[in-house]
Amino acid sequence: MLTLAAIAIVSYLLGSIPAGYLVGRMAGIDIRKVGSGNIGATNVTRVLGKRYGYPVFAVDFLKGLAAVILSILIAKHTQPSWFSPDLFGITAAVSSVIGHSFPVWLRFKGGKG
């Protein structure tokens, strides 16, 4: 159970990395103050164009994918052979989406999942 809680926390923190906000800052704007005010890839694409929006989408996608893959690998190495790692993968996916939607780094105001 401790491993599952650790997976949830790490996946949340990974999902809460605000890629759209960081890309916006690198472009010289606060993406939360323009367009829809959302830090997600859609708003970044609308405001800054595809050159910035597509990488944000890719990073957001890869955050969730990395959380799930890492959690399944950890489950396979720490749990009994009869244990299904699906619970770890689902926990990581949900935690990552929650982190994306409510990132601790931006006072819990983030993307739309």
PDB file of N, CA and C in Angstrom:
ATOM      1  N   MET A   1       0.811  -1.207   0.000  1.00  0.00           N
ATOM      2  CA  MET A   1       0.000   0.000   0.000  1.00  0.00           C
ATOM      3  C   MET A   1       0.850   1.265   0.000  1.00  0.00           C
ATOM      4  N   LEU A   2       1.985   1.206   0.694  1.00  0.00           N
ATOM      5  CA  LEU A   2       2.877   2.357   0.715  1.00  0.00           C
ATOM      6  C   LEU A   2       3.387   2.663  -0.687  1.00  0.00           C
ATOM      7  N   THR A   3       3.656   1.609  -1.453  1.00  0.00           N
ATOM      8  CA  THR A   3       4.126   1.799  -2.823  1.00  0.00           C
ATOM      9  C   THR A   3       3.050   2.485  -3.659  1.00  0.00           C
ATOM     10  N   LEU A   4       1.802   2.087  -3.480  1.00  0.00           N
ATOM     11  CA  LEU A   4       0.702   2.691  -4.232  1.00  0.00           C
ATOM     12  C   LEU A   4       0.550   4.171  -3.879  1.00  0.00           C
ATOM     13  N   ALA A   5       0.682   4.511  -2.609  1.00  0.00           N
ATOM     14  CA  ALA A   5       0.603   5.917  -2.195  1.00  0.00           C
ATOM     15  C   ALA A   5       1.756   6.719  -2.785  1.00  0.00           C
ATOM     16  N   ALA A   6       2.940   6.137  -2.801  1.00  0.00           N
ATOM     17  CA  ALA A   6       4.099   6.820  -3.391  1.00  0.00           C
ATOM     18  C   ALA A   6       3.896   7.037  -4.886  1.00  0.00           C
ATOM     19  N   ILE A   7       3.328   6.040  -5.562  1.00  0.00           N
ATOM     20  CA  ILE A   7       3.029   6.167  -6.995  1.00  0.00           C
ATOM     21  C   ILE A   7       2.059   7.325  -7.215  1.00  0.00           C
ATOM     22  N   ALA A   8       1.035   7.418  -6.392  1.00  0.00           N
ATOM     23  CA  ALA A   8       0.044   8.488  -6.535  1.00  0.00           C
ATOM     24  C   ALA A   8       0.687   9.859  -6.347  1.00  0.00           C
ATOM     25  N   ILE A   9       1.535   9.996  -5.351  1.00  0.00           N
ATOM     26  CA  ILE A   9       2.173  11.291  -5.075  1.00  0.00           C
ATOM     27  C   ILE A   9       3.138  11.679  -6.187  1.00  0.00           C
ATOM     28  N   VAL A  10       3.986  10.745  -6.591  1.00  0.00           N
ATOM     29  CA  VAL A  10       4.962  11.042  -7.649  1.00  0.00           C
ATOM     30  C   VAL A  10       4.251  11.337  -8.969  1.00  0.00           C
ATOM     31  N   SER A  11       3.201  10.579  -9.281  1.00  0.00           N
ATOM     32  CA  SER A  11       2.453  10.812 -10.523  1.00  0.00           C
ATOM     33  C   SER A  11       1.754  12.166 -10.496  1.00  0.00           C
ATOM     34  N   TYR A  12       1.205  12.528  -9.338  1.00  0.00           N
ATOM     35  CA  TYR A  12       0.588  13.848  -9.197  1.00  0.00           C
ATOM     36  C   TYR A  12       1.617  14.946  -9.465  1.00  0.00           C
ATOM     37  N   LEU A  13       2.781  14.826  -8.844  1.00  0.00           N
ATOM     38  CA  LEU A  13       3.817  15.850  -9.018  1.00  0.00           C
ATOM     39  C   LEU A  13       4.312  15.907 -10.460  1.00  0.00           C
ATOM     40  N   LEU A  14       4.445  14.753 -11.098  1.00  0.00           N
ATOM     41  CA  LEU A  14       4.852  14.719 -12.502  1.00  0.00           C
ATOM     42  C   LEU A  14       3.791  15.378 -13.379  1.00  0.00           C
ATOM     43  N   GLY A  15       2.531  15.039 -13.129  1.00  0.00           N
ATOM     44  CA  GLY A  15       1.440  15.629 -13.905  1.00  0.00           C
ATOM     45  C   GLY A  15       1.276  17.115 -13.665  1.00  0.00           C
ATOM     46  N   SER A  16       1.732  17.591 -12.518  1.00  0.00           N
ATOM     47  CA  SER A  16       1.531  19.007 -12.189  1.00  0.00           C
ATOM     48  C   SER A  16       2.600  19.931 -12.769  1.00  0.00           C
ATOM     49  N   ILE A  17       3.559  19.386 -13.496  1.00  0.00           N
ATOM     50  CA  ILE A  17       4.544  20.249 -14.159  1.00  0.00           C
ATOM     51  C   ILE A  17       3.800  21.070 -15.214  1.00  0.00           C
ATOM     52  N   PRO A  18       3.758  22.384 -15.085  1.00  0.00           N
ATOM     53  CA  PRO A  18       2.935  23.225 -15.970  1.00  0.00           C
ATOM     54  C   PRO A  18       3.640  23.560 -17.291  1.00  0.00           C
ATOM     55  N   ALA A  19       3.631  22.626 -18.215  1.00  0.00           N
ATOM     56  CA  ALA A  19       4.342  22.810 -19.488  1.00  0.00           C
ATOM     57  C   ALA A  19       3.863  24.058 -20.227  1.00  0.00           C
ATOM     58  N   GLY A  20       2.552  24.261 -20.292  1.00  0.00           N
ATOM     59  CA  GLY A  20       2.018  25.427 -20.997  1.00  0.00           C
ATOM     60  C   GLY A  20       2.458  26.732 -20.367  1.00  0.00           C
ATOM     61  N   TYR A  21       2.461  26.774 -19.058  1.00  0.00           N
ATOM     62  CA  TYR A  21       2.902  27.969 -18.348  1.00  0.00           C
ATOM     63  C   TYR A  21       4.382  28.231 -18.610  1.00  0.00           C
ATOM     64  N   LEU A  22       5.193  27.181 -18.529  1.00  0.00           N
ATOM     65  CA  LEU A  22       6.639  27.334 -18.734  1.00  0.00           C
ATOM     66  C   LEU A  22       6.964  27.773 -20.161  1.00  0.00           C
ATOM     67  N   VAL A  23       6.278  27.195 -21.135  1.00  0.00           N
ATOM     68  CA  VAL A  23       6.498  27.597 -22.532  1.00  0.00           C
ATOM     69  C   VAL A  23       6.055  29.042 -22.736  1.00  0.00           C
ATOM     70  N   GLY A  24       4.932  29.404 -22.142  1.00  0.00           N
ATOM     71  CA  GLY A  24       4.477  30.789 -22.236  1.00  0.00           C
ATOM     72  C   GLY A  24       5.482  31.762 -21.650  1.00  0.00           C
ATOM     73  N   ARG A  25       6.037  31.414 -20.505  1.00  0.00           N
ATOM     74  CA  ARG A  25       7.048  32.289 -19.892  1.00  0.00           C
ATOM     75  C   ARG A  25       8.291  32.400 -20.764  1.00  0.00           C
ATOM     76  N   MET A  26       8.678  31.290 -21.403  1.00  0.00           N
ATOM     77  CA  MET A  26       9.838  31.329 -22.303  1.00  0.00           C
ATOM     78  C   MET A  26       9.553  32.214 -23.514  1.00  0.00           C
ATOM     79  N   ALA A  27       8.273  32.300 -23.894  1.00  0.00           N
ATOM     80  CA  ALA A  27       7.887  33.156 -25.016  1.00  0.00           C
ATOM     81  C   ALA A  27       7.633  34.594 -24.563  1.00  0.00           C
ATOM     82  N   GLY A  28       7.737  34.844 -23.266  1.00  0.00           N
ATOM     83  CA  GLY A  28       7.606  36.200 -22.755  1.00  0.00           C
ATOM     84  C   GLY A  28       6.212  36.610 -22.338  1.00  0.00           C
ATOM     85  N   ILE A  29       5.294  35.651 -22.172  1.00  0.00           N
ATOM     86  CA  ILE A  29       3.941  35.998 -21.726  1.00  0.00           C
ATOM     87  C   ILE A  29       3.508  35.076 -20.589  1.00  0.00           C
ATOM     88  N   ASP A  30       2.526  35.537 -19.838  1.00  0.00           N
ATOM     89  CA  ASP A  30       1.888  34.693 -18.831  1.00  0.00           C
ATOM     90  C   ASP A  30       0.630  34.151 -19.483  1.00  0.00           C
ATOM     91  N   ILE A  31       0.651  32.890 -19.878  1.00  0.00           N
ATOM     92  CA  ILE A  31      -0.446  32.286 -20.637  1.00  0.00           C
ATOM     93  C   ILE A  31      -1.760  32.312 -19.858  1.00  0.00           C
ATOM     94  N   ARG A  32      -1.687  32.468 -18.537  1.00  0.00           N
ATOM     95  CA  ARG A  32      -2.902  32.525 -17.723  1.00  0.00           C
ATOM     96  C   ARG A  32      -3.652  33.843 -17.893  1.00  0.00           C
ATOM     97  N   LYS A  33      -2.992  34.844 -18.487  1.00  0.00           N
ATOM     98  CA  LYS A  33      -3.607  36.167 -18.618  1.00  0.00           C
ATOM     99  C   LYS A  33      -4.061  36.484 -20.037  1.00  0.00           C
ATOM    100  N   VAL A  34      -3.942  35.537 -20.947  1.00  0.00           N
ATOM    101  CA  VAL A  34      -4.370  35.755 -22.331  1.00  0.00           C
ATOM    102  C   VAL A  34      -5.227  34.581 -22.787  1.00  0.00           C
ATOM    103  N   GLY A  35      -5.981  34.808 -23.856  1.00  0.00           N
ATOM    104  CA  GLY A  35      -6.842  33.750 -24.383  1.00  0.00           C
ATOM    105  C   GLY A  35      -7.864  33.321 -23.346  1.00  0.00           C
ATOM    106  N   SER A  36      -8.005  32.008 -23.186  1.00  0.00           N
ATOM    107  CA  SER A  36      -8.963  31.462 -22.222  1.00  0.00           C
ATOM    108  C   SER A  36      -8.447  31.517 -20.789  1.00  0.00           C
ATOM    109  N   GLY A  37      -7.165  31.808 -20.621  1.00  0.00           N
ATOM    110  CA  GLY A  37      -6.568  31.842 -19.296  1.00  0.00           C
ATOM    111  C   GLY A  37      -6.114  30.481 -18.804  1.00  0.00           C
ATOM    112  N   ASN A  38      -6.324  29.470 -19.631  1.00  0.00           N
ATOM    113  CA  ASN A  38      -5.939  28.107 -19.282  1.00  0.00           C
ATOM    114  C   ASN A  38      -4.492  27.861 -19.675  1.00  0.00           C
ATOM    115  N   ILE A  39      -3.779  27.005 -18.933  1.00  0.00           N
ATOM    116  CA  ILE A  39      -2.371  26.742 -19.245  1.00  0.00           C
ATOM    117  C   ILE A  39      -2.191  25.559 -20.186  1.00  0.00           C
ATOM    118  N   GLY A  40      -3.273  25.011 -20.696  1.00  0.00           N
ATOM    119  CA  GLY A  40      -3.194  23.827 -21.540  1.00  0.00           C
ATOM    120  C   GLY A  40      -2.734  24.105 -22.959  1.00  0.00           C
ATOM    121  N   ALA A  41      -2.521  23.016 -23.687  1.00  0.00           N
ATOM    122  CA  ALA A  41      -2.003  23.084 -25.054  1.00  0.00           C
ATOM    123  C   ALA A  41      -2.940  23.844 -25.996  1.00  0.00           C
ATOM    124  N   THR A  42      -4.235  23.733 -25.796  1.00  0.00           N
ATOM    125  CA  THR A  42      -5.178  24.421 -26.687  1.00  0.00           C
ATOM    126  C   THR A  42      -5.013  25.928 -26.600  1.00  0.00           C
ATOM    127  N   ASN A  43      -4.951  26.457 -25.400  1.00  0.00           N
ATOM    128  CA  ASN A  43      -4.778  27.901 -25.242  1.00  0.00           C
ATOM    129  C   ASN A  43      -3.409  28.348 -25.739  1.00  0.00           C
ATOM    130  N   VAL A  44      -2.379  27.565 -25.460  1.00  0.00           N
ATOM    131  CA  VAL A  44      -1.040  27.914 -25.941  1.00  0.00           C
ATOM    132  C   VAL A  44      -1.031  27.951 -27.466  1.00  0.00           C
ATOM    133  N   THR A  45      -1.690  26.991 -28.111  1.00  0.00           N
ATOM    134  CA  THR A  45      -1.745  26.963 -29.575  1.00  0.00           C
ATOM    135  C   THR A  45      -2.502  28.172 -30.109  1.00  0.00           C
ATOM    136  N   ARG A  46      -3.619  28.509 -29.492  1.00  0.00           N
ATOM    137  CA  ARG A  46      -4.403  29.669 -29.944  1.00  0.00           C
ATOM    138  C   ARG A  46      -3.619  30.971 -29.806  1.00  0.00           C
ATOM    139  N   VAL A  47      -2.914  31.110 -28.700  1.00  0.00           N
ATOM    140  CA  VAL A  47      -2.226  32.366 -28.406  1.00  0.00           C
ATOM    141  C   VAL A  47      -0.870  32.453 -29.091  1.00  0.00           C
ATOM    142  N   LEU A  48      -0.090  31.385 -29.023  1.00  0.00           N
ATOM    143  CA  LEU A  48       1.291  31.426 -29.513  1.00  0.00           C
ATOM    144  C   LEU A  48       1.507  30.682 -30.827  1.00  0.00           C
ATOM    145  N   GLY A  49       0.536  29.894 -31.244  1.00  0.00           N
ATOM    146  CA  GLY A  49       0.672  29.159 -32.499  1.00  0.00           C
ATOM    147  C   GLY A  49       1.135  27.723 -32.304  1.00  0.00           C
ATOM    148  N   LYS A  50       1.133  26.994 -33.421  1.00  0.00           N
ATOM    149  CA  LYS A  50       1.464  25.570 -33.396  1.00  0.00           C
ATOM    150  C   LYS A  50       2.894  25.308 -32.941  1.00  0.00           C
ATOM    151  N   ARG A  51       3.784  26.211 -33.256  1.00  0.00           N
ATOM    152  CA  ARG A  51       5.196  26.038 -32.894  1.00  0.00           C
ATOM    153  C   ARG A  51       5.369  25.843 -31.386  1.00  0.00           C
ATOM    154  N   TYR A  52       4.525  26.475 -30.608  1.00  0.00           N
ATOM    155  CA  TYR A  52       4.580  26.350 -29.154  1.00  0.00           C
ATOM    156  C   TYR A  52       3.533  25.365 -28.619  1.00  0.00           C
ATOM    157  N   GLY A  53       2.380  25.334 -29.244  1.00  0.00           N
ATOM    158  CA  GLY A  53       1.285  24.499 -28.756  1.00  0.00           C
ATOM    159  C   GLY A  53       1.523  23.013 -28.891  1.00  0.00           C
ATOM    160  N   TYR A  54       2.069  22.585 -30.018  1.00  0.00           N
ATOM    161  CA  TYR A  54       2.300  21.153 -30.222  1.00  0.00           C
ATOM    162  C   TYR A  54       3.300  20.573 -29.227  1.00  0.00           C
ATOM    163  N   PRO A  55       4.413  21.253 -28.954  1.00  0.00           N
ATOM    164  CA  PRO A  55       5.314  20.720 -27.918  1.00  0.00           C
ATOM    165  C   PRO A  55       4.661  20.653 -26.531  1.00  0.00           C
ATOM    166  N   VAL A  56       3.799  21.613 -26.223  1.00  0.00           N
ATOM    167  CA  VAL A  56       3.099  21.573 -24.936  1.00  0.00           C
ATOM    168  C   VAL A  56       2.201  20.340 -24.886  1.00  0.00           C
ATOM    169  N   PHE A  57       1.487  20.081 -25.979  1.00  0.00           N
ATOM    170  CA  PHE A  57       0.647  18.888 -26.037  1.00  0.00           C
ATOM    171  C   PHE A  57       1.487  17.628 -25.847  1.00  0.00           C
ATOM    172  N   ALA A  58       2.616  17.568 -26.536  1.00  0.00           N
ATOM    173  CA  ALA A  58       3.491  16.394 -26.441  1.00  0.00           C
ATOM    174  C   ALA A  58       3.994  16.196 -25.011  1.00  0.00           C
ATOM    175  N   VAL A  59       4.419  17.270 -24.370  1.00  0.00           N
ATOM    176  CA  VAL A  59       4.915  17.161 -22.990  1.00  0.00           C
ATOM    177  C   VAL A  59       3.785  16.735 -22.056  1.00  0.00           C
ATOM    178  N   ASP A  60       2.605  17.316 -22.221  1.00  0.00           N
ATOM    179  CA  ASP A  60       1.472  16.937 -21.379  1.00  0.00           C
ATOM    180  C   ASP A  60       1.130  15.458 -21.561  1.00  0.00           C
ATOM    181  N   PHE A  61       1.143  14.991 -22.790  1.00  0.00           N
ATOM    182  CA  PHE A  61       0.876  13.580 -23.067  1.00  0.00           C
ATOM    183  C   PHE A  61       1.951  12.690 -22.447  1.00  0.00           C
ATOM    184  N   LEU A  62       3.197  13.082 -22.632  1.00  0.00           N
ATOM    185  CA  LEU A  62       4.315  12.272 -22.142  1.00  0.00           C
ATOM    186  C   LEU A  62       4.390  12.234 -20.617  1.00  0.00           C
ATOM    187  N   LYS A  63       3.907  13.284 -19.953  1.00  0.00           N
ATOM    188  CA  LYS A  63       3.873  13.270 -18.484  1.00  0.00           C
ATOM    189  C   LYS A  63       2.999  12.119 -17.991  1.00  0.00           C
ATOM    190  N   GLY A  64       1.828  11.995 -18.572  1.00  0.00           N
ATOM    191  CA  GLY A  64       0.924  10.913 -18.183  1.00  0.00           C
ATOM    192  C   GLY A  64       1.452   9.550 -18.570  1.00  0.00           C
ATOM    193  N   LEU A  65       1.992   9.454 -19.774  1.00  0.00           N
ATOM    194  CA  LEU A  65       2.539   8.182 -20.242  1.00  0.00           C
ATOM    195  C   LEU A  65       3.699   7.727 -19.359  1.00  0.00           C
ATOM    196  N   ALA A  66       4.589   8.645 -19.028  1.00  0.00           N
ATOM    197  CA  ALA A  66       5.737   8.308 -18.180  1.00  0.00           C
ATOM    198  C   ALA A  66       5.275   7.836 -16.804  1.00  0.00           C
ATOM    199  N   ALA A  67       4.283   8.501 -16.247  1.00  0.00           N
ATOM    200  CA  ALA A  67       3.778   8.108 -14.929  1.00  0.00           C
ATOM    201  C   ALA A  67       3.224   6.687 -14.961  1.00  0.00           C
ATOM    202  N   VAL A  68       2.457   6.366 -15.999  1.00  0.00           N
ATOM    203  CA  VAL A  68       1.859   5.034 -16.099  1.00  0.00           C
ATOM    204  C   VAL A  68       2.932   3.969 -16.321  1.00  0.00           C
ATOM    205  N   ILE A  69       3.840   4.209 -17.249  1.00  0.00           N
ATOM    206  CA  ILE A  69       4.886   3.218 -17.538  1.00  0.00           C
ATOM    207  C   ILE A  69       5.760   2.978 -16.308  1.00  0.00           C
ATOM    208  N   LEU A  70       6.179   4.046 -15.656  1.00  0.00           N
ATOM    209  CA  LEU A  70       7.013   3.887 -14.458  1.00  0.00           C
ATOM    210  C   LEU A  70       6.276   3.141 -13.347  1.00  0.00           C
ATOM    211  N   SER A  71       4.999   3.438 -13.179  1.00  0.00           N
ATOM    212  CA  SER A  71       4.247   2.772 -12.117  1.00  0.00           C
ATOM    213  C   SER A  71       4.091   1.283 -12.396  1.00  0.00           C
ATOM    214  N   ILE A  72       3.866   0.925 -13.643  1.00  0.00           N
ATOM    215  CA  ILE A  72       3.735  -0.496 -13.985  1.00  0.00           C
ATOM    216  C   ILE A  72       5.068  -1.214 -13.793  1.00  0.00           C
ATOM    217  N   LEU A  73       6.157  -0.575 -14.189  1.00  0.00           N
ATOM    218  CA  LEU A  73       7.476  -1.187 -13.982  1.00  0.00           C
ATOM    219  C   LEU A  73       7.775  -1.371 -12.495  1.00  0.00           C
ATOM    220  N   ILE A  74       7.438  -0.376 -11.700  1.00  0.00           N
ATOM    221  CA  ILE A  74       7.648  -0.482 -10.253  1.00  0.00           C
ATOM    222  C   ILE A  74       6.788  -1.601  -9.675  1.00  0.00           C
ATOM    223  N   ALA A  75       5.533  -1.678 -10.120  1.00  0.00           N
ATOM    224  CA  ALA A  75       4.636  -2.723  -9.624  1.00  0.00           C
ATOM    225  C   ALA A  75       5.168  -4.109  -9.964  1.00  0.00           C
ATOM    226  N   LYS A  76       5.689  -4.272 -11.157  1.00  0.00           N
ATOM    227  CA  LYS A  76       6.201  -5.585 -11.567  1.00  0.00           C
ATOM    228  C   LYS A  76       7.419  -6.003 -10.755  1.00  0.00           C
ATOM    229  N   HIS A  77       8.177  -5.035 -10.255  1.00  0.00           N
ATOM    230  CA  HIS A  77       9.387  -5.359  -9.498  1.00  0.00           C
ATOM    231  C   HIS A  77       9.185  -5.370  -7.985  1.00  0.00           C
ATOM    232  N   THR A  78       8.078  -4.841  -7.509  1.00  0.00           N
ATOM    233  CA  THR A  78       7.883  -4.771  -6.057  1.00  0.00           C
ATOM    234  C   THR A  78       6.713  -5.612  -5.554  1.00  0.00           C
ATOM    235  N   GLN A  79       5.870  -6.077  -6.441  1.00  0.00           N
ATOM    236  CA  GLN A  79       4.684  -6.823  -6.032  1.00  0.00           C
ATOM    237  C   GLN A  79       4.840  -8.307  -6.373  1.00  0.00           C
ATOM    238  N   PRO A  80       4.065  -9.169  -5.724  1.00  0.00           N
ATOM    239  CA  PRO A  80       4.127 -10.599  -6.037  1.00  0.00           C
ATOM    240  C   PRO A  80       3.768 -10.862  -7.504  1.00  0.00           C
ATOM    241  N   SER A  81       4.221 -11.979  -8.033  1.00  0.00           N
ATOM    242  CA  SER A  81       4.017 -12.282  -9.455  1.00  0.00           C
ATOM    243  C   SER A  81       2.541 -12.433  -9.814  1.00  0.00           C
ATOM    244  N   TRP A  82       1.706 -12.801  -8.867  1.00  0.00           N
ATOM    245  CA  TRP A  82       0.282 -12.964  -9.147  1.00  0.00           C
ATOM    246  C   TRP A  82      -0.469 -11.633  -9.149  1.00  0.00           C
ATOM    247  N   PHE A  83       0.183 -10.576  -8.694  1.00  0.00           N
ATOM    248  CA  PHE A  83      -0.457  -9.264  -8.575  1.00  0.00           C
ATOM    249  C   PHE A  83      -0.522  -8.577  -9.934  1.00  0.00           C
ATOM    250  N   SER A  84      -1.677  -8.053 -10.276  1.00  0.00           N
ATOM    251  CA  SER A  84      -1.829  -7.320 -11.531  1.00  0.00           C
ATOM    252  C   SER A  84      -1.373  -5.873 -11.340  1.00  0.00           C
ATOM    253  N   PRO A  85      -0.494  -5.381 -12.209  1.00  0.00           N
ATOM    254  CA  PRO A  85      -0.006  -3.999 -12.076  1.00  0.00           C
ATOM    255  C   PRO A  85      -1.005  -2.951 -12.566  1.00  0.00           C
ATOM    256  N   ASP A  86      -2.190  -3.396 -13.005  1.00  0.00           N
ATOM    257  CA  ASP A  86      -3.182  -2.458 -13.534  1.00  0.00           C
ATOM    258  C   ASP A  86      -3.585  -1.395 -12.518  1.00  0.00           C
ATOM    259  N   LEU A  87      -3.728  -1.786 -11.266  1.00  0.00           N
ATOM    260  CA  LEU A  87      -4.113  -0.824 -10.228  1.00  0.00           C
ATOM    261  C   LEU A  87      -3.088   0.298 -10.122  1.00  0.00           C
ATOM    262  N   PHE A  88      -1.813  -0.048 -10.251  1.00  0.00           N
ATOM    263  CA  PHE A  88      -0.756   0.960 -10.196  1.00  0.00           C
ATOM    264  C   PHE A  88      -0.850   1.889 -11.406  1.00  0.00           C
ATOM    265  N   GLY A  89      -1.087   1.320 -12.586  1.00  0.00           N
ATOM    266  CA  GLY A  89      -1.206   2.127 -13.801  1.00  0.00           C
ATOM    267  C   GLY A  89      -2.390   3.074 -13.750  1.00  0.00           C
ATOM    268  N   ILE A  90      -3.518   2.569 -13.278  1.00  0.00           N
ATOM    269  CA  ILE A  90      -4.722   3.400 -13.173  1.00  0.00           C
ATOM    270  C   ILE A  90      -4.507   4.514 -12.148  1.00  0.00           C
ATOM    271  N   THR A  91      -3.915   4.172 -11.024  1.00  0.00           N
ATOM    272  CA  THR A  91      -3.621   5.176  -9.993  1.00  0.00           C
ATOM    273  C   THR A  91      -2.708   6.263 -10.542  1.00  0.00           C
ATOM    274  N   ALA A  92      -1.684   5.857 -11.288  1.00  0.00           N
ATOM    275  CA  ALA A  92      -0.751   6.829 -11.871  1.00  0.00           C
ATOM    276  C   ALA A  92      -1.452   7.719 -12.886  1.00  0.00           C
ATOM    277  N   ALA A  93      -2.300   7.131 -13.730  1.00  0.00           N
ATOM    278  CA  ALA A  93      -2.999   7.912 -14.754  1.00  0.00           C
ATOM    279  C   ALA A  93      -3.922   8.948 -14.117  1.00  0.00           C
ATOM    280  N   VAL A  94      -4.719   8.511 -13.162  1.00  0.00           N
ATOM    281  CA  VAL A  94      -5.659   9.424 -12.499  1.00  0.00           C
ATOM    282  C   VAL A  94      -4.903  10.511 -11.732  1.00  0.00           C
ATOM    283  N   SER A  95      -3.859  10.128 -11.030  1.00  0.00           N
ATOM    284  CA  SER A  95      -3.075  11.109 -10.263  1.00  0.00           C
ATOM    285  C   SER A  95      -2.400  12.122 -11.173  1.00  0.00           C
ATOM    286  N   SER A  96      -1.935  11.671 -12.318  1.00  0.00           N
ATOM    287  CA  SER A  96      -1.293  12.571 -13.271  1.00  0.00           C
ATOM    288  C   SER A  96      -2.293  13.585 -13.833  1.00  0.00           C
ATOM    289  N   VAL A  97      -3.488  13.128 -14.145  1.00  0.00           N
ATOM    290  CA  VAL A  97      -4.527  14.040 -14.648  1.00  0.00           C
ATOM    291  C   VAL A  97      -4.932  15.039 -13.562  1.00  0.00           C
ATOM    292  N   ILE A  98      -5.049  14.574 -12.337  1.00  0.00           N
ATOM    293  CA  ILE A  98      -5.366  15.485 -11.229  1.00  0.00           C
ATOM    294  C   ILE A  98      -4.252  16.514 -11.067  1.00  0.00           C
ATOM    295  N   GLY A  99      -3.007  16.067 -11.180  1.00  0.00           N
ATOM    296  CA  GLY A  99      -1.877  16.993 -11.099  1.00  0.00           C
ATOM    297  C   GLY A  99      -1.889  18.015 -12.215  1.00  0.00           C
ATOM    298  N   HIS A 100      -2.273  17.584 -13.421  1.00  0.00           N
ATOM    299  CA  HIS A 100      -2.350  18.504 -14.556  1.00  0.00           C
ATOM    300  C   HIS A 100      -3.464  19.534 -14.340  1.00  0.00           C
ATOM    301  N   SER A 101      -4.577  19.080 -13.801  1.00  0.00           N
ATOM    302  CA  SER A 101      -5.724  19.968 -13.604  1.00  0.00           C
ATOM    303  C   SER A 101      -5.564  20.889 -12.401  1.00  0.00           C
ATOM    304  N   PHE A 102      -4.859  20.422 -11.388  1.00  0.00           N
ATOM    305  CA  PHE A 102      -4.680  21.186 -10.154  1.00  0.00           C
ATOM    306  C   PHE A 102      -3.211  21.172  -9.728  1.00  0.00           C
ATOM    307  N   PRO A 103      -2.339  21.852 -10.483  1.00  0.00           N
ATOM    308  CA  PRO A 103      -0.904  21.794 -10.167  1.00  0.00           C
ATOM    309  C   PRO A 103      -0.552  22.576  -8.898  1.00  0.00           C
ATOM    310  N   VAL A 104       0.172  21.915  -8.020  1.00  0.00           N
ATOM    311  CA  VAL A 104       0.585  22.540  -6.768  1.00  0.00           C
ATOM    312  C   VAL A 104       1.448  23.770  -7.040  1.00  0.00           C
ATOM    313  N   TRP A 105       2.203  23.760  -8.116  1.00  0.00           N
ATOM    314  CA  TRP A 105       3.131  24.849  -8.439  1.00  0.00           C
ATOM    315  C   TRP A 105       2.408  26.137  -8.827  1.00  0.00           C
ATOM    316  N   LEU A 106       1.154  26.036  -9.265  1.00  0.00           N
ATOM    317  CA  LEU A 106       0.393  27.220  -9.686  1.00  0.00           C
ATOM    318  C   LEU A 106      -0.848  27.416  -8.815  1.00  0.00           C
ATOM    319  N   ARG A 107      -0.724  27.081  -7.557  1.00  0.00           N
ATOM    320  CA  ARG A 107      -1.815  27.243  -6.592  1.00  0.00           C
ATOM    321  C   ARG A 107      -3.082  26.509  -7.015  1.00  0.00           C
ATOM    322  N   PHE A 108      -2.897  25.334  -7.572  1.00  0.00           N
ATOM    323  CA  PHE A 108      -3.976  24.412  -7.932  1.00  0.00           C
ATOM    324  C   PHE A 108      -4.892  24.927  -9.040  1.00  0.00           C
ATOM    325  N   LYS A 109      -4.367  25.807  -9.905  1.00  0.00           N
ATOM    326  CA  LYS A 109      -5.131  26.290 -11.062  1.00  0.00           C
ATOM    327  C   LYS A 109      -4.356  25.904 -12.317  1.00  0.00           C
ATOM    328  N   GLY A 110      -4.871  24.909 -13.039  1.00  0.00           N
ATOM    329  CA  GLY A 110      -4.095  24.409 -14.174  1.00  0.00           C
ATOM    330  C   GLY A 110      -4.914  24.120 -15.406  1.00  0.00           C
ATOM    331  N   GLY A 111      -4.574  23.009 -16.048  1.00  0.00           N
ATOM    332  CA  GLY A 111      -5.210  22.610 -17.296  1.00  0.00           C
ATOM    333  C   GLY A 111      -6.588  22.014 -17.065  1.00  0.00           C
ATOM    334  N   LYS A 112      -7.142  21.464 -18.125  1.00  0.00           N
ATOM    335  CA  LYS A 112      -8.480  20.884 -18.039  1.00  0.00           C
ATOM    336  C   LYS A 112      -8.462  19.364 -18.087  1.00  0.00           C
ATOM    337  N   GLY A 113      -7.311  18.765 -17.900  1.00  0.00           N
ATOM    338  CA  GLY A 113      -7.219  17.301 -17.882  1.00  0.00           C
ATOM    339  C   GLY A 113      -6.820  16.817 -19.180  1.00  0.00           C
TER     340      GLY A 113
END
